[in-house]
Structure formats: structure tokens, C-alpha cells
Amino acid sequence: MITRFKKDFIYEFKQPDQTGEEMKIFSKKLMIITVMSFGLSGCLTETTIPEQMTEFNVGCDREEMQITEDSIELNGERSWKVECRGKKYYCTYLEESSSDCYEISK
């Protein structure tokens, strides 16, 4: 009985090599799961793009910022003004390109 169990166990888990097509399908599934995981983790932070980009470029925490004049242009560029630690900044963000924040002189 033990021998039969071993044979069945080995047969069940020792499968022949996957074909190229099966590997492509597996790779696509793995990539989709990975992208969705990263995407959903970004959605769960409850922060807006201006908050994230300001924190990255200026170093202010969300609790310290006051964001005003948030707008999106037809070309997809997003811009806003933010006040943090007594300084004012003008920030821009273009998806898949760049983000910058410039201090506004008084």
C-alpha cells in the first residue's frame, strides 16, 4: 500500500515539461497578477497624485500640505499649488514622464 501511494504521489506531481505555449500563458497570467497587485496597492493608500508627488519632490507629509488650484490640462498634465511648512510651491505631473515642484518666491 505504501508503494502504491508513493507511485501515485510521484505520478501526480511529476508532470512532463510544459510546452512553449503553456509557458507563454503562464507568463501572461503571472504578469497580470503582478501588475494588478501593484496597481491595487497604490489604490489602497488613499492618497491623491498631488499628495504623492508633493511628498516625493518636496518631502512634506500629507498632514502638512494644503493643496489648491488642482487642475488637469487637455494634454494630461496635472498642476497644483501647495503650501507646506510656510513655503509655497507650484507642482506639475505628467503621467509616465515627470513630476516637478518649484518654490514660488514671495
PDB file of N, CA and C in Angstrom:
ATOM      1  N   MET A   1       0.822  -1.192   0.000  1.00  0.00           N
ATOM      2  CA  MET A   1       0.000   0.000   0.000  1.00  0.00           C
ATOM      3  C   MET A   1       0.864   1.253   0.000  1.00  0.00           C
ATOM      4  N   ILE A   2       1.926   1.257   0.750  1.00  0.00           N
ATOM      5  CA  ILE A   2       2.806   2.409   0.797  1.00  0.00           C
ATOM      6  C   ILE A   2       3.456   2.626  -0.564  1.00  0.00           C
ATOM      7  N   THR A   3       3.849   1.577  -1.224  1.00  0.00           N
ATOM      8  CA  THR A   3       4.465   1.686  -2.542  1.00  0.00           C
ATOM      9  C   THR A   3       3.498   2.318  -3.527  1.00  0.00           C
ATOM     10  N   ARG A   4       2.250   1.897  -3.487  1.00  0.00           N
ATOM     11  CA  ARG A   4       1.260   2.466  -4.408  1.00  0.00           C
ATOM     12  C   ARG A   4       1.057   3.953  -4.131  1.00  0.00           C
ATOM     13  N   PHE A   5       0.990   4.324  -2.855  1.00  0.00           N
ATOM     14  CA  PHE A   5       0.847   5.741  -2.508  1.00  0.00           C
ATOM     15  C   PHE A   5       2.020   6.536  -3.066  1.00  0.00           C
ATOM     16  N   LYS A   6       3.209   6.030  -2.901  1.00  0.00           N
ATOM     17  CA  LYS A   6       4.393   6.726  -3.411  1.00  0.00           C
ATOM     18  C   LYS A   6       4.327   6.873  -4.919  1.00  0.00           C
ATOM     19  N   LYS A   7       3.922   5.819  -5.604  1.00  0.00           N
ATOM     20  CA  LYS A   7       3.839   5.876  -7.067  1.00  0.00           C
ATOM     21  C   LYS A   7       2.801   6.914  -7.500  1.00  0.00           C
ATOM     22  N   ASP A   8       1.618   6.884  -6.874  1.00  0.00           N
ATOM     23  CA  ASP A   8       0.569   7.844  -7.226  1.00  0.00           C
ATOM     24  C   ASP A   8       1.017   9.270  -6.923  1.00  0.00           C
ATOM     25  N   PHE A   9       1.670   9.449  -5.798  1.00  0.00           N
ATOM     26  CA  PHE A   9       2.138  10.780  -5.401  1.00  0.00           C
ATOM     27  C   PHE A   9       3.165  11.299  -6.408  1.00  0.00           C
ATOM     28  N   ILE A  10       4.109  10.466  -6.766  1.00  0.00           N
ATOM     29  CA  ILE A  10       5.135  10.872  -7.728  1.00  0.00           C
ATOM     30  C   ILE A  10       4.504  11.142  -9.078  1.00  0.00           C
ATOM     31  N   TYR A  11       3.593  10.292  -9.503  1.00  0.00           N
ATOM     32  CA  TYR A  11       2.941  10.486 -10.800  1.00  0.00           C
ATOM     33  C   TYR A  11       2.158  11.799 -10.828  1.00  0.00           C
ATOM     34  N   GLU A  12       1.489  12.096  -9.715  1.00  0.00           N
ATOM     35  CA  GLU A  12       0.652  13.298  -9.671  1.00  0.00           C
ATOM     36  C   GLU A  12       1.484  14.576  -9.763  1.00  0.00           C
ATOM     37  N   PHE A  13       2.637  14.613  -9.132  1.00  0.00           N
ATOM     38  CA  PHE A  13       3.426  15.832  -9.092  1.00  0.00           C
ATOM     39  C   PHE A  13       4.581  15.872 -10.087  1.00  0.00           C
ATOM     40  N   LYS A  14       4.887  14.770 -10.694  1.00  0.00           N
ATOM     41  CA  LYS A  14       5.958  14.757 -11.687  1.00  0.00           C
ATOM     42  C   LYS A  14       5.316  14.760 -13.060  1.00  0.00           C
ATOM     43  N   GLN A  15       5.110  15.934 -13.596  1.00  0.00           N
ATOM     44  CA  GLN A  15       4.472  16.079 -14.891  1.00  0.00           C
ATOM     45  C   GLN A  15       5.532  16.358 -15.945  1.00  0.00           C
ATOM     46  N   PRO A  16       5.234  16.054 -17.191  1.00  0.00           N
ATOM     47  CA  PRO A  16       6.203  16.342 -18.251  1.00  0.00           C
ATOM     48  C   PRO A  16       6.407  17.847 -18.393  1.00  0.00           C
ATOM     49  N   ASP A  17       7.510  18.229 -18.993  1.00  0.00           N
ATOM     50  CA  ASP A  17       7.810  19.652 -19.196  1.00  0.00           C
ATOM     51  C   ASP A  17       6.690  20.330 -19.942  1.00  0.00           C
ATOM     52  N   GLN A  18       6.458  21.585 -19.575  1.00  0.00           N
ATOM     53  CA  GLN A  18       5.407  22.350 -20.225  1.00  0.00           C
ATOM     54  C   GLN A  18       5.851  22.752 -21.624  1.00  0.00           C
ATOM     55  N   THR A  19       4.893  22.882 -22.511  1.00  0.00           N
ATOM     56  CA  THR A  19       5.194  23.313 -23.873  1.00  0.00           C
ATOM     57  C   THR A  19       5.430  24.816 -23.884  1.00  0.00           C
ATOM     58  N   GLY A  20       5.943  25.313 -24.981  1.00  0.00           N
ATOM     59  CA  GLY A  20       6.189  26.744 -25.109  1.00  0.00           C
ATOM     60  C   GLY A  20       4.907  27.555 -24.963  1.00  0.00           C
ATOM     61  N   GLU A  21       3.816  27.050 -25.520  1.00  0.00           N
ATOM     62  CA  GLU A  21       2.530  27.763 -25.448  1.00  0.00           C
ATOM     63  C   GLU A  21       2.036  27.831 -24.006  1.00  0.00           C
ATOM     64  N   GLU A  22       2.180  26.743 -23.255  1.00  0.00           N
ATOM     65  CA  GLU A  22       1.765  26.738 -21.854  1.00  0.00           C
ATOM     66  C   GLU A  22       2.590  27.719 -21.038  1.00  0.00           C
ATOM     67  N   MET A  23       3.870  27.819 -21.347  1.00  0.00           N
ATOM     68  CA  MET A  23       4.736  28.760 -20.639  1.00  0.00           C
ATOM     69  C   MET A  23       4.334  30.199 -20.946  1.00  0.00           C
ATOM     70  N   LYS A  24       3.966  30.485 -22.182  1.00  0.00           N
ATOM     71  CA  LYS A  24       3.530  31.835 -22.551  1.00  0.00           C
ATOM     72  C   LYS A  24       2.268  32.208 -21.779  1.00  0.00           C
ATOM     73  N   ILE A  25       1.331  31.283 -21.699  1.00  0.00           N
ATOM     74  CA  ILE A  25       0.082  31.537 -20.973  1.00  0.00           C
ATOM     75  C   ILE A  25       0.382  31.766 -19.494  1.00  0.00           C
ATOM     76  N   PHE A  26       1.235  30.922 -18.921  1.00  0.00           N
ATOM     77  CA  PHE A  26       1.610  31.077 -17.519  1.00  0.00           C
ATOM     78  C   PHE A  26       2.288  32.425 -17.282  1.00  0.00           C
ATOM     79  N   SER A  27       3.190  32.813 -18.172  1.00  0.00           N
ATOM     80  CA  SER A  27       3.893  34.094 -18.036  1.00  0.00           C
ATOM     81  C   SER A  27       2.919  35.266 -18.091  1.00  0.00           C
ATOM     82  N   LYS A  28       1.957  35.206 -18.993  1.00  0.00           N
ATOM     83  CA  LYS A  28       0.964  36.283 -19.101  1.00  0.00           C
ATOM     84  C   LYS A  28       0.124  36.380 -17.827  1.00  0.00           C
ATOM     85  N   LYS A  29      -0.295  35.230 -17.303  1.00  0.00           N
ATOM     86  CA  LYS A  29      -1.084  35.232 -16.067  1.00  0.00           C
ATOM     87  C   LYS A  29      -0.283  35.820 -14.913  1.00  0.00           C
ATOM     88  N   LEU A  30       0.978  35.426 -14.821  1.00  0.00           N
ATOM     89  CA  LEU A  30       1.835  35.927 -13.753  1.00  0.00           C
ATOM     90  C   LEU A  30       2.028  37.437 -13.871  1.00  0.00           C
ATOM     91  N   MET A  31       2.216  37.925 -15.089  1.00  0.00           N
ATOM     92  CA  MET A  31       2.399  39.354 -15.307  1.00  0.00           C
ATOM     93  C   MET A  31       1.130  40.127 -14.934  1.00  0.00           C
ATOM     94  N   ILE A  32      -0.024  39.626 -15.317  1.00  0.00           N
ATOM     95  CA  ILE A  32      -1.289  40.293 -14.996  1.00  0.00           C
ATOM     96  C   ILE A  32      -1.494  40.349 -13.487  1.00  0.00           C
ATOM     97  N   ILE A  33      -1.220  39.266 -12.798  1.00  0.00           N
ATOM     98  CA  ILE A  33      -1.370  39.236 -11.336  1.00  0.00           C
ATOM     99  C   ILE A  33      -0.421  40.233 -10.686  1.00  0.00           C
ATOM    100  N   THR A  34       0.809  40.300 -11.178  1.00  0.00           N
ATOM    101  CA  THR A  34       1.796  41.227 -10.614  1.00  0.00           C
ATOM    102  C   THR A  34       1.366  42.672 -10.816  1.00  0.00           C
ATOM    103  N   VAL A  35       0.952  43.013 -12.031  1.00  0.00           N
ATOM    104  CA  VAL A  35       0.533  44.386 -12.321  1.00  0.00           C
ATOM    105  C   VAL A  35      -0.685  44.758 -11.486  1.00  0.00           C
ATOM    106  N   MET A  36      -1.646  43.862 -11.380  1.00  0.00           N
ATOM    107  CA  MET A  36      -2.843  44.153 -10.591  1.00  0.00           C
ATOM    108  C   MET A  36      -2.496  44.332  -9.114  1.00  0.00           C
ATOM    109  N   SER A  37      -1.565  43.542  -8.618  1.00  0.00           N
ATOM    110  CA  SER A  37      -1.171  43.671  -7.214  1.00  0.00           C
ATOM    111  C   SER A  37      -0.570  45.035  -6.937  1.00  0.00           C
ATOM    112  N   PHE A  38       0.348  45.473  -7.811  1.00  0.00           N
ATOM    113  CA  PHE A  38       0.955  46.785  -7.628  1.00  0.00           C
ATOM    114  C   PHE A  38      -0.071  47.891  -7.810  1.00  0.00           C
ATOM    115  N   GLY A  39      -0.950  47.745  -8.780  1.00  0.00           N
ATOM    116  CA  GLY A  39      -1.973  48.756  -9.009  1.00  0.00           C
ATOM    117  C   GLY A  39      -2.918  48.894  -7.837  1.00  0.00           C
ATOM    118  N   LEU A  40      -3.364  47.786  -7.311  1.00  0.00           N
ATOM    119  CA  LEU A  40      -4.283  47.830  -6.181  1.00  0.00           C
ATOM    120  C   LEU A  40      -3.600  48.343  -4.920  1.00  0.00           C
ATOM    121  N   SER A  41      -2.336  48.042  -4.769  1.00  0.00           N
ATOM    122  CA  SER A  41      -1.655  48.543  -3.574  1.00  0.00           C
ATOM    123  C   SER A  41      -1.566  50.063  -3.616  1.00  0.00           C
ATOM    124  N   GLY A  42      -1.429  50.652  -4.810  1.00  0.00           N
ATOM    125  CA  GLY A  42      -1.428  52.104  -4.939  1.00  0.00           C
ATOM    126  C   GLY A  42      -2.784  52.699  -4.647  1.00  0.00           C
ATOM    127  N   CYS A  43      -3.845  52.001  -4.989  1.00  0.00           N
ATOM    128  CA  CYS A  43      -5.196  52.494  -4.743  1.00  0.00           C
ATOM    129  C   CYS A  43      -5.550  52.463  -3.268  1.00  0.00           C
ATOM    130  N   LEU A  44      -4.939  51.592  -2.534  1.00  0.00           N
ATOM    131  CA  LEU A  44      -5.287  51.432  -1.130  1.00  0.00           C
ATOM    132  C   LEU A  44      -4.618  52.440  -0.211  1.00  0.00           C
ATOM    133  N   THR A  45      -3.739  53.291  -0.739  1.00  0.00           N
ATOM    134  CA  THR A  45      -3.041  54.239   0.121  1.00  0.00           C
ATOM    135  C   THR A  45      -3.901  55.442   0.480  1.00  0.00           C
ATOM    136  N   GLU A  46      -4.992  55.658  -0.247  1.00  0.00           N
ATOM    137  CA  GLU A  46      -5.902  56.774  -0.007  1.00  0.00           C
ATOM    138  C   GLU A  46      -5.202  58.126  -0.130  1.00  0.00           C
ATOM    139  N   THR A  47      -4.195  58.212  -0.967  1.00  0.00           N
ATOM    140  CA  THR A  47      -3.544  59.493  -1.232  1.00  0.00           C
ATOM    141  C   THR A  47      -3.770  59.855  -2.684  1.00  0.00           C
ATOM    142  N   THR A  48      -3.857  61.148  -2.943  1.00  0.00           N
ATOM    143  CA  THR A  48      -4.044  61.618  -4.299  1.00  0.00           C
ATOM    144  C   THR A  48      -2.689  61.765  -4.983  1.00  0.00           C
ATOM    145  N   ILE A  49      -2.718  61.902  -6.292  1.00  0.00           N
ATOM    146  CA  ILE A  49      -1.463  62.106  -7.034  1.00  0.00           C
ATOM    147  C   ILE A  49      -0.760  63.375  -6.571  1.00  0.00           C
ATOM    148  N   PRO A  50      -1.455  64.512  -6.412  1.00  0.00           N
ATOM    149  CA  PRO A  50      -0.740  65.688  -5.907  1.00  0.00           C
ATOM    150  C   PRO A  50      -0.076  65.450  -4.550  1.00  0.00           C
ATOM    151  N   GLU A  51      -0.747  64.722  -3.668  1.00  0.00           N
ATOM    152  CA  GLU A  51      -0.141  64.433  -2.362  1.00  0.00           C
ATOM    153  C   GLU A  51       1.104  63.567  -2.522  1.00  0.00           C
ATOM    154  N   GLN A  52       1.009  62.540  -3.342  1.00  0.00           N
ATOM    155  CA  GLN A  52       2.143  61.639  -3.541  1.00  0.00           C
ATOM    156  C   GLN A  52       3.325  62.355  -4.179  1.00  0.00           C
ATOM    157  N   MET A  53       3.063  63.140  -5.232  1.00  0.00           N
ATOM    158  CA  MET A  53       4.150  63.817  -5.954  1.00  0.00           C
ATOM    159  C   MET A  53       4.772  64.938  -5.113  1.00  0.00           C
ATOM    160  N   THR A  54       3.950  65.636  -4.336  1.00  0.00           N
ATOM    161  CA  THR A  54       4.486  66.687  -3.470  1.00  0.00           C
ATOM    162  C   THR A  54       5.365  66.071  -2.392  1.00  0.00           C
ATOM    163  N   GLU A  55       4.891  64.986  -1.812  1.00  0.00           N
ATOM    164  CA  GLU A  55       5.692  64.310  -0.794  1.00  0.00           C
ATOM    165  C   GLU A  55       7.021  63.837  -1.381  1.00  0.00           C
ATOM    166  N   PHE A  56       6.994  63.318  -2.606  1.00  0.00           N
ATOM    167  CA  PHE A  56       8.209  62.833  -3.262  1.00  0.00           C
ATOM    168  C   PHE A  56       9.169  63.975  -3.599  1.00  0.00           C
ATOM    169  N   ASN A  57       8.645  65.083  -4.158  1.00  0.00           N
ATOM    170  CA  ASN A  57       9.503  66.171  -4.632  1.00  0.00           C
ATOM    171  C   ASN A  57       9.918  67.158  -3.549  1.00  0.00           C
ATOM    172  N   VAL A  58       9.035  67.407  -2.581  1.00  0.00           N
ATOM    173  CA  VAL A  58       9.300  68.430  -1.572  1.00  0.00           C
ATOM    174  C   VAL A  58       9.694  67.807  -0.241  1.00  0.00           C
ATOM    175  N   GLY A  59       9.116  66.658   0.074  1.00  0.00           N
ATOM    176  CA  GLY A  59       9.440  65.996   1.330  1.00  0.00           C
ATOM    177  C   GLY A  59       8.492  66.321   2.462  1.00  0.00           C
ATOM    178  N   CYS A  60       7.338  66.889   2.149  1.00  0.00           N
ATOM    179  CA  CYS A  60       6.341  67.198   3.172  1.00  0.00           C
ATOM    180  C   CYS A  60       5.406  66.015   3.377  1.00  0.00           C
ATOM    181  N   ASP A  61       4.964  65.826   4.595  1.00  0.00           N
ATOM    182  CA  ASP A  61       3.960  64.806   4.877  1.00  0.00           C
ATOM    183  C   ASP A  61       2.586  65.315   4.465  1.00  0.00           C
ATOM    184  N   ARG A  62       1.663  64.376   4.236  1.00  0.00           N
ATOM    185  CA  ARG A  62       0.302  64.757   3.816  1.00  0.00           C
ATOM    186  C   ARG A  62      -0.356  65.700   4.802  1.00  0.00           C
ATOM    187  N   GLU A  63      -0.112  65.480   6.077  1.00  0.00           N
ATOM    188  CA  GLU A  63      -0.754  66.298   7.104  1.00  0.00           C
ATOM    189  C   GLU A  63      -0.267  67.744   7.071  1.00  0.00           C
ATOM    190  N   GLU A  64       0.904  67.982   6.500  1.00  0.00           N
ATOM    191  CA  GLU A  64       1.491  69.325   6.470  1.00  0.00           C
ATOM    192  C   GLU A  64       1.092  70.123   5.235  1.00  0.00           C
ATOM    193  N   MET A  65       0.513  69.514   4.230  1.00  0.00           N
ATOM    194  CA  MET A  65       0.249  70.212   2.963  1.00  0.00           C
ATOM    195  C   MET A  65      -1.171  70.732   2.846  1.00  0.00           C
ATOM    196  N   GLN A  66      -1.254  71.863   2.150  1.00  0.00           N
ATOM    197  CA  GLN A  66      -2.552  72.424   1.761  1.00  0.00           C
ATOM    198  C   GLN A  66      -2.494  72.610   0.251  1.00  0.00           C
ATOM    199  N   ILE A  67      -3.224  71.769  -0.488  1.00  0.00           N
ATOM    200  CA  ILE A  67      -3.194  71.782  -1.946  1.00  0.00           C
ATOM    201  C   ILE A  67      -4.345  72.629  -2.461  1.00  0.00           C
ATOM    202  N   THR A  68      -4.029  73.532  -3.402  1.00  0.00           N
ATOM    203  CA  THR A  68      -5.041  74.390  -4.024  1.00  0.00           C
ATOM    204  C   THR A  68      -4.824  74.399  -5.537  1.00  0.00           C
ATOM    205  N   GLU A  69      -5.797  74.885  -6.248  1.00  0.00           N
ATOM    206  CA  GLU A  69      -5.747  75.076  -7.702  1.00  0.00           C
ATOM    207  C   GLU A  69      -5.286  73.823  -8.445  1.00  0.00           C
ATOM    208  N   ASP A  70      -5.836  72.688  -8.081  1.00  0.00           N
ATOM    209  CA  ASP A  70      -5.526  71.419  -8.736  1.00  0.00           C
ATOM    210  C   ASP A  70      -6.283  71.357 -10.061  1.00  0.00           C
ATOM    211  N   SER A  71      -5.558  71.222 -11.180  1.00  0.00           N
ATOM    212  CA  SER A  71      -6.217  71.177 -12.491  1.00  0.00           C
ATOM    213  C   SER A  71      -5.492  70.211 -13.426  1.00  0.00           C
ATOM    214  N   ILE A  72      -6.242  69.716 -14.409  1.00  0.00           N
ATOM    215  CA  ILE A  72      -5.683  68.803 -15.414  1.00  0.00           C
ATOM    216  C   ILE A  72      -5.920  69.426 -16.793  1.00  0.00           C
ATOM    217  N   GLU A  73      -4.844  69.560 -17.569  1.00  0.00           N
ATOM    218  CA  GLU A  73      -4.919  70.128 -18.914  1.00  0.00           C
ATOM    219  C   GLU A  73      -5.359  69.055 -19.916  1.00  0.00           C
ATOM    220  N   LEU A  74      -5.685  69.476 -21.135  1.00  0.00           N
ATOM    221  CA  LEU A  74      -6.110  68.537 -22.165  1.00  0.00           C
ATOM    222  C   LEU A  74      -5.010  67.544 -22.546  1.00  0.00           C
ATOM    223  N   ASN A  75      -3.756  67.931 -22.420  1.00  0.00           N
ATOM    224  CA  ASN A  75      -2.651  67.029 -22.748  1.00  0.00           C
ATOM    225  C   ASN A  75      -2.349  66.040 -21.623  1.00  0.00           C
ATOM    226  N   GLY A  76      -3.094  66.110 -20.522  1.00  0.00           N
ATOM    227  CA  GLY A  76      -2.928  65.195 -19.406  1.00  0.00           C
ATOM    228  C   GLY A  76      -2.037  65.718 -18.294  1.00  0.00           C
ATOM    229  N   GLU A  77      -1.419  66.887 -18.496  1.00  0.00           N
ATOM    230  CA  GLU A  77      -0.551  67.434 -17.456  1.00  0.00           C
ATOM    231  C   GLU A  77      -1.403  67.946 -16.294  1.00  0.00           C
ATOM    232  N   ARG A  78      -1.014  67.564 -15.128  1.00  0.00           N
ATOM    233  CA  ARG A  78      -1.721  67.985 -13.921  1.00  0.00           C
ATOM    234  C   ARG A  78      -0.853  68.994 -13.197  1.00  0.00           C
ATOM    235  N   SER A  79      -1.467  70.059 -12.694  1.00  0.00           N
ATOM    236  CA  SER A  79      -0.714  71.067 -11.950  1.00  0.00           C
ATOM    237  C   SER A  79      -1.518  71.486 -10.717  1.00  0.00           C
ATOM    238  N   TRP A  80      -0.800  71.936  -9.705  1.00  0.00           N
ATOM    239  CA  TRP A  80      -1.428  72.380  -8.464  1.00  0.00           C
ATOM    240  C   TRP A  80      -0.455  73.258  -7.699  1.00  0.00           C
ATOM    241  N   LYS A  81      -1.002  73.991  -6.760  1.00  0.00           N
ATOM    242  CA  LYS A  81      -0.183  74.775  -5.836  1.00  0.00           C
ATOM    243  C   LYS A  81      -0.315  74.133  -4.466  1.00  0.00           C
ATOM    244  N   VAL A  82       0.765  74.190  -3.722  1.00  0.00           N
ATOM    245  CA  VAL A  82       0.752  73.575  -2.398  1.00  0.00           C
ATOM    246  C   VAL A  82       1.530  74.453  -1.427  1.00  0.00           C
ATOM    247  N   GLU A  83       1.010  74.534  -0.213  1.00  0.00           N
ATOM    248  CA  GLU A  83       1.719  75.246   0.845  1.00  0.00           C
ATOM    249  C   GLU A  83       2.119  74.220   1.891  1.00  0.00           C
ATOM    250  N   CYS A  84       3.397  74.301   2.283  1.00  0.00           N
ATOM    251  CA  CYS A  84       3.926  73.332   3.238  1.00  0.00           C
ATOM    252  C   CYS A  84       5.043  73.980   4.033  1.00  0.00           C
ATOM    253  N   ARG A  85       4.946  73.893   5.343  1.00  0.00           N
ATOM    254  CA  ARG A  85       5.967  74.436   6.249  1.00  0.00           C
ATOM    255  C   ARG A  85       6.288  75.906   5.951  1.00  0.00           C
ATOM    256  N   GLY A  86       5.263  76.659   5.650  1.00  0.00           N
ATOM    257  CA  GLY A  86       5.426  78.090   5.416  1.00  0.00           C
ATOM    258  C   GLY A  86       5.938  78.465   4.031  1.00  0.00           C
ATOM    259  N   LYS A  87       6.180  77.497   3.169  1.00  0.00           N
ATOM    260  CA  LYS A  87       6.639  77.773   1.802  1.00  0.00           C
ATOM    261  C   LYS A  87       5.555  77.376   0.814  1.00  0.00           C
ATOM    262  N   LYS A  88       5.539  78.074  -0.342  1.00  0.00           N
ATOM    263  CA  LYS A  88       4.561  77.781  -1.386  1.00  0.00           C
ATOM    264  C   LYS A  88       5.278  77.196  -2.596  1.00  0.00           C
ATOM    265  N   TYR A  89       4.641  76.192  -3.221  1.00  0.00           N
ATOM    266  CA  TYR A  89       5.219  75.508  -4.369  1.00  0.00           C
ATOM    267  C   TYR A  89       4.199  75.415  -5.495  1.00  0.00           C
ATOM    268  N   TYR A  90       4.714  75.405  -6.718  1.00  0.00           N
ATOM    269  CA  TYR A  90       3.909  75.114  -7.904  1.00  0.00           C
ATOM    270  C   TYR A  90       4.413  73.772  -8.432  1.00  0.00           C
ATOM    271  N   CYS A  91       3.516  72.791  -8.561  1.00  0.00           N
ATOM    272  CA  CYS A  91       3.915  71.442  -8.957  1.00  0.00           C
ATOM    273  C   CYS A  91       3.209  71.012 -10.233  1.00  0.00           C
ATOM    274  N   THR A  92       3.905  70.206 -11.018  1.00  0.00           N
ATOM    275  CA  THR A  92       3.336  69.635 -12.238  1.00  0.00           C
ATOM    276  C   THR A  92       3.623  68.143 -12.265  1.00  0.00           C
ATOM    277  N   TYR A  93       2.741  67.433 -12.968  1.00  0.00           N
ATOM    278  CA  TYR A  93       2.901  65.990 -13.108  1.00  0.00           C
ATOM    279  C   TYR A  93       2.332  65.572 -14.451  1.00  0.00           C
ATOM    280  N   LEU A  94       3.136  64.855 -15.226  1.00  0.00           N
ATOM    281  CA  LEU A  94       2.686  64.293 -16.491  1.00  0.00           C
ATOM    282  C   LEU A  94       2.919  62.792 -16.406  1.00  0.00           C
ATOM    283  N   GLU A  95       1.824  62.031 -16.496  1.00  0.00           N
ATOM    284  CA  GLU A  95       1.905  60.588 -16.313  1.00  0.00           C
ATOM    285  C   GLU A  95       2.939  59.973 -17.245  1.00  0.00           C
ATOM    286  N   GLU A  96       3.702  59.047 -16.725  1.00  0.00           N
ATOM    287  CA  GLU A  96       4.750  58.329 -17.446  1.00  0.00           C
ATOM    288  C   GLU A  96       5.851  59.247 -17.964  1.00  0.00           C
ATOM    289  N   SER A  97       5.969  60.441 -17.408  1.00  0.00           N
ATOM    290  CA  SER A  97       7.007  61.350 -17.863  1.00  0.00           C
ATOM    291  C   SER A  97       7.773  61.937 -16.689  1.00  0.00           C
ATOM    292  N   SER A  98       7.195  62.950 -16.045  1.00  0.00           N
ATOM    293  CA  SER A  98       7.936  63.610 -14.984  1.00  0.00           C
ATOM    294  C   SER A  98       7.007  64.276 -13.979  1.00  0.00           C
ATOM    295  N   SER A  99       7.604  64.640 -12.863  1.00  0.00           N
ATOM    296  CA  SER A  99       6.915  65.455 -11.875  1.00  0.00           C
ATOM    297  C   SER A  99       7.936  66.405 -11.281  1.00  0.00           C
ATOM    298  N   ASP A 100       7.527  67.654 -11.099  1.00  0.00           N
ATOM    299  CA  ASP A 100       8.421  68.684 -10.558  1.00  0.00           C
ATOM    300  C   ASP A 100       7.642  69.596  -9.635  1.00  0.00           C
ATOM    301  N   CYS A 101       8.342  70.156  -8.649  1.00  0.00           N
ATOM    302  CA  CYS A 101       7.776  71.175  -7.776  1.00  0.00           C
ATOM    303  C   CYS A 101       8.789  72.319  -7.683  1.00  0.00           C
ATOM    304  N   TYR A 102       8.315  73.520  -7.897  1.00  0.00           N
ATOM    305  CA  TYR A 102       9.160  74.706  -7.844  1.00  0.00           C
ATOM    306  C   TYR A 102       8.666  75.616  -6.740  1.00  0.00           C
ATOM    307  N   GLU A 103       9.602  76.134  -5.951  1.00  0.00           N
ATOM    308  CA  GLU A 103       9.217  77.060  -4.891  1.00  0.00           C
ATOM    309  C   GLU A 103       8.807  78.390  -5.505  1.00  0.00           C
ATOM    310  N   ILE A 104       7.705  78.929  -5.037  1.00  0.00           N
ATOM    311  CA  ILE A 104       7.207  80.226  -5.509  1.00  0.00           C
ATOM    312  C   ILE A 104       7.813  81.298  -4.622  1.00  0.00           C
ATOM    313  N   SER A 105       8.554  82.197  -5.247  1.00  0.00           N
ATOM    314  CA  SER A 105       9.164  83.275  -4.448  1.00  0.00           C
ATOM    315  C   SER A 105       8.117  84.305  -4.100  1.00  0.00           C
ATOM    316  N   LYS A 106       8.304  84.934  -2.957  1.00  0.00           N
ATOM    317  CA  LYS A 106       7.315  85.912  -2.456  1.00  0.00           C
ATOM    318  C   LYS A 106       7.512  87.253  -3.060  1.00  0.00           C
TER     319      LYS A 106
END
